[in-house]
Amino acid sequence: MKLDVITTRGGDAGETSLGDGRRVRKDALRVEAFGTVDEANAALGLVRLHADAVSDAMLARIQNELFDVGADLCVPGEAGARLRVADTQSARLEGEIAAMNADLPALTSFVLPAGCAAAATAHVARTVVRRAERLVVALAAEEEVNPAVVRYLNRLSDHLFVLSRHFNAQAGGDVLWVPGATR
């Protein structure tokens, strides 16, 4: 890929191009979906600022995969040789979840989205991924979407939840919900 010109003025009227060349409104559900995936990717960049070397490498790979997710969503319908997300990517996330979770204590309460900086930013990224997932599910109700994208986003939010617990374990433990704490 080579981009010589960044400012094209092509979107000044509120439209953008999909990967198949079709022009759509910038508030189209498909654009909202892949735009939110992009937002999730940026949130992962913030998590990486606080991550240990192993987690940073894992998150770098996930950021690249989120570009794959965005590319998949950007090209509707049959794509021929175009990039598509595959279930092998979700399976790898599941393996990483299991490995991280093996070293964590069992949950006895809800976990507050807090703790150390790495955990807190992982929780923010997780909620953005969940929003992207909801948008992709809504899009799939109206248009064709690769079902592996929904599965990947679902696994990724689980991954980020467990990663936040991993970060908090390194920093002293989860921040747990206390029922009625505000009374």
Protein backbone atom coordinates (compact mmCIF):
# COMPACT_ATOMS: atom_id res chain seq x y z
CA MET A 1 0.00 0.00 0.00
CA LYS A 2 1.26 3.46 -0.87
CA LEU A 3 -0.47 6.71 0.11
CA ASP A 4 1.04 9.85 -1.36
CA VAL A 5 -1.88 12.17 -0.67
CA ILE A 6 -3.71 12.16 2.66
CA THR A 7 -6.00 15.15 2.15
CA THR A 8 -8.19 14.29 -0.83
CA ARG A 9 -11.29 16.35 0.01
CA GLY A 10 -13.30 13.29 -1.08
CA GLY A 11 -15.12 13.17 2.24
CA ASP A 12 -16.00 16.85 2.47
CA ALA A 13 -19.62 16.16 1.49
CA GLY A 14 -20.06 13.53 4.21
CA GLU A 15 -19.31 10.45 2.13
CA THR A 16 -16.46 7.94 2.07
CA SER A 17 -15.41 5.06 -0.14
CA LEU A 18 -15.71 1.41 0.80
CA GLY A 19 -13.07 -1.09 -0.24
CA ASP A 20 -15.11 -2.03 -3.30
CA GLY A 21 -15.13 1.60 -4.49
CA ARG A 22 -18.74 2.27 -3.59
CA ARG A 23 -19.43 5.69 -1.97
CA VAL A 24 -21.53 5.71 1.21
CA ARG A 25 -22.49 8.22 3.88
CA LYS A 26 -19.98 8.51 6.70
CA ASP A 27 -22.72 7.70 9.20
CA ALA A 28 -23.63 4.43 7.47
CA LEU A 29 -23.71 1.49 9.88
CA ARG A 30 -20.83 -0.24 8.07
CA VAL A 31 -18.66 2.87 8.42
CA GLU A 32 -19.67 3.18 12.09
CA ALA A 33 -18.63 -0.45 12.60
CA PHE A 34 -15.18 -0.26 11.03
CA GLY A 35 -14.66 3.22 12.49
CA THR A 36 -15.28 1.84 15.96
CA VAL A 37 -12.83 -1.00 15.25
CA ASP A 38 -10.30 1.74 14.41
CA GLU A 39 -11.14 3.47 17.71
CA ALA A 40 -10.57 0.17 19.55
CA ASN A 41 -7.21 -0.14 17.82
CA ALA A 42 -6.22 3.33 19.05
CA ALA A 43 -7.30 2.38 22.57
CA LEU A 44 -5.01 -0.66 22.36
CA GLY A 45 -2.19 1.73 21.52
CA LEU A 46 -2.78 3.38 24.90
CA VAL A 47 -2.76 0.01 26.66
CA ARG A 48 0.61 -0.75 25.08
CA LEU A 49 2.10 2.32 26.80
CA HIS A 50 1.66 0.49 30.12
CA ALA A 51 2.21 -3.13 29.06
CA ASP A 52 5.08 -5.47 29.86
CA ALA A 53 7.12 -6.75 26.89
CA VAL A 54 5.16 -10.01 26.45
CA SER A 55 1.78 -8.26 26.59
CA ASP A 56 3.04 -5.49 24.31
CA ALA A 57 3.99 -8.04 21.63
CA MET A 58 0.60 -9.71 21.96
CA LEU A 59 -1.19 -6.35 21.66
CA ALA A 60 0.92 -5.35 18.64
CA ARG A 61 -0.23 -8.50 16.86
CA ILE A 62 -3.84 -7.79 17.86
CA GLN A 63 -3.55 -4.23 16.50
CA ASN A 64 -2.49 -5.68 13.16
CA GLU A 65 -5.41 -8.08 13.27
CA LEU A 66 -7.79 -5.19 13.93
CA PHE A 67 -6.62 -3.74 10.62
CA ASP A 68 -7.67 -7.09 9.11
CA VAL A 69 -11.07 -6.74 10.82
CA GLY A 70 -11.48 -3.22 9.43
CA ALA A 71 -10.47 -4.36 5.95
CA ASP A 72 -12.95 -7.23 6.14
CA LEU A 73 -15.76 -4.87 7.15
CA CYS A 74 -14.76 -2.30 4.53
CA VAL A 75 -15.42 -4.70 1.64
CA PRO A 76 -19.03 -5.91 1.70
CA GLY A 77 -20.23 -9.12 0.10
CA GLU A 78 -18.09 -11.61 -1.75
CA ALA A 79 -14.55 -10.38 -1.78
CA GLY A 80 -12.79 -12.97 -3.90
CA ALA A 81 -9.14 -12.86 -2.87
CA ARG A 82 -9.72 -9.96 -0.45
CA LEU A 83 -8.59 -10.18 3.16
CA ARG A 84 -11.03 -11.92 5.49
CA VAL A 85 -10.81 -12.64 9.21
CA ALA A 86 -10.55 -16.36 9.99
CA ASP A 87 -11.56 -18.38 13.04
CA THR A 88 -7.90 -19.31 13.59
CA GLN A 89 -7.40 -15.77 14.88
CA SER A 90 -10.17 -16.24 17.47
CA ALA A 91 -8.75 -19.63 18.43
CA ARG A 92 -5.37 -18.04 19.14
CA LEU A 93 -7.06 -15.43 21.35
CA GLU A 94 -8.78 -18.27 23.23
CA GLY A 95 -5.42 -19.93 23.84
CA GLU A 96 -3.96 -16.68 25.17
CA ILE A 97 -7.00 -16.16 27.40
CA ALA A 98 -6.59 -19.66 28.87
CA ALA A 99 -2.87 -19.13 29.46
CA MET A 100 -3.36 -15.78 31.21
CA ASN A 101 -6.35 -17.01 33.20
CA ALA A 102 -4.47 -20.08 34.48
CA ASP A 103 -2.35 -17.85 36.72
CA LEU A 104 -5.25 -15.79 38.09
CA PRO A 105 -7.40 -16.48 41.15
CA ALA A 106 -11.02 -17.47 40.55
CA LEU A 107 -13.45 -14.57 40.51
CA THR A 108 -15.67 -14.23 43.56
CA SER A 109 -17.14 -10.84 42.65
CA PHE A 110 -17.55 -8.49 39.74
CA VAL A 111 -14.36 -6.65 38.84
CA LEU A 112 -14.44 -2.87 38.69
CA PRO A 113 -12.82 -1.38 35.57
CA ALA A 114 -9.98 0.08 37.60
CA GLY A 115 -6.64 -0.73 39.16
CA CYS A 116 -3.26 0.03 37.67
CA ALA A 117 -2.93 2.15 34.52
CA ALA A 118 -2.46 -0.89 32.27
CA ALA A 119 -5.61 -2.55 33.61
CA ALA A 120 -7.70 0.61 33.45
CA THR A 121 -6.74 1.30 29.84
CA ALA A 122 -7.37 -2.37 28.95
CA HIS A 123 -10.88 -1.98 30.36
CA VAL A 124 -11.45 1.13 28.22
CA ALA A 125 -10.25 -0.78 25.14
CA ARG A 126 -12.53 -3.70 26.10
CA THR A 127 -15.61 -1.46 26.20
CA VAL A 128 -14.75 0.05 22.80
CA VAL A 129 -14.37 -3.47 21.38
CA ARG A 130 -17.78 -4.39 22.86
CA ARG A 131 -19.32 -1.35 21.14
CA ALA A 132 -17.70 -2.36 17.85
CA GLU A 133 -19.12 -5.86 18.32
CA ARG A 134 -22.64 -4.48 18.87
CA LEU A 135 -22.35 -2.38 15.73
CA VAL A 136 -21.13 -5.35 13.67
CA VAL A 137 -24.04 -7.47 14.98
CA ALA A 138 -26.46 -4.70 13.98
CA LEU A 139 -24.79 -4.49 10.56
CA ALA A 140 -25.03 -8.28 10.13
CA ALA A 141 -28.80 -8.02 10.67
CA GLU A 142 -29.00 -5.74 7.61
CA GLU A 143 -26.10 -6.74 5.34
CA GLU A 144 -23.73 -9.61 4.76
CA VAL A 145 -20.88 -9.71 7.28
CA ASN A 146 -18.23 -12.34 7.80
CA PRO A 147 -19.39 -14.15 10.98
CA ALA A 148 -15.76 -14.69 11.97
CA VAL A 149 -15.56 -10.92 12.60
CA VAL A 150 -18.24 -11.10 15.31
CA ARG A 151 -16.52 -14.09 16.92
CA TYR A 152 -13.14 -12.33 16.84
CA LEU A 153 -14.48 -9.17 18.49
CA ASN A 154 -16.27 -11.24 21.13
CA ARG A 155 -13.07 -13.15 21.97
CA LEU A 156 -11.04 -9.94 21.94
CA SER A 157 -13.24 -8.33 24.59
CA ASP A 158 -12.82 -11.45 26.75
CA HIS A 159 -9.07 -11.30 26.10
CA LEU A 160 -8.89 -7.69 27.24
CA PHE A 161 -10.87 -8.47 30.39
CA VAL A 162 -8.46 -11.26 31.33
CA LEU A 163 -5.49 -9.10 30.33
CA SER A 164 -6.72 -6.36 32.68
CA ARG A 165 -6.86 -8.94 35.48
CA HIS A 166 -3.34 -10.06 34.55
CA PHE A 167 -2.09 -6.47 34.79
CA ASN A 168 -3.82 -5.96 38.14
CA ALA A 169 -2.41 -9.25 39.45
CA GLN A 170 1.07 -7.94 38.69
CA ALA A 171 0.20 -4.71 40.53
CA GLY A 172 -1.42 -6.26 43.61
CA GLY A 173 -4.84 -7.60 42.64
CA ASP A 174 -8.23 -6.87 41.13
CA VAL A 175 -10.43 -4.03 42.31
CA LEU A 176 -13.63 -5.83 43.27
CA TRP A 177 -17.19 -4.57 43.38
CA VAL A 178 -18.57 -4.19 46.88
CA PRO A 179 -22.39 -4.46 46.95
CA GLY A 180 -23.98 -1.45 48.59
CA ALA A 181 -20.67 0.37 48.98
CA THR A 182 -22.33 3.73 48.40
CA ARG A 183 -24.88 3.34 51.20
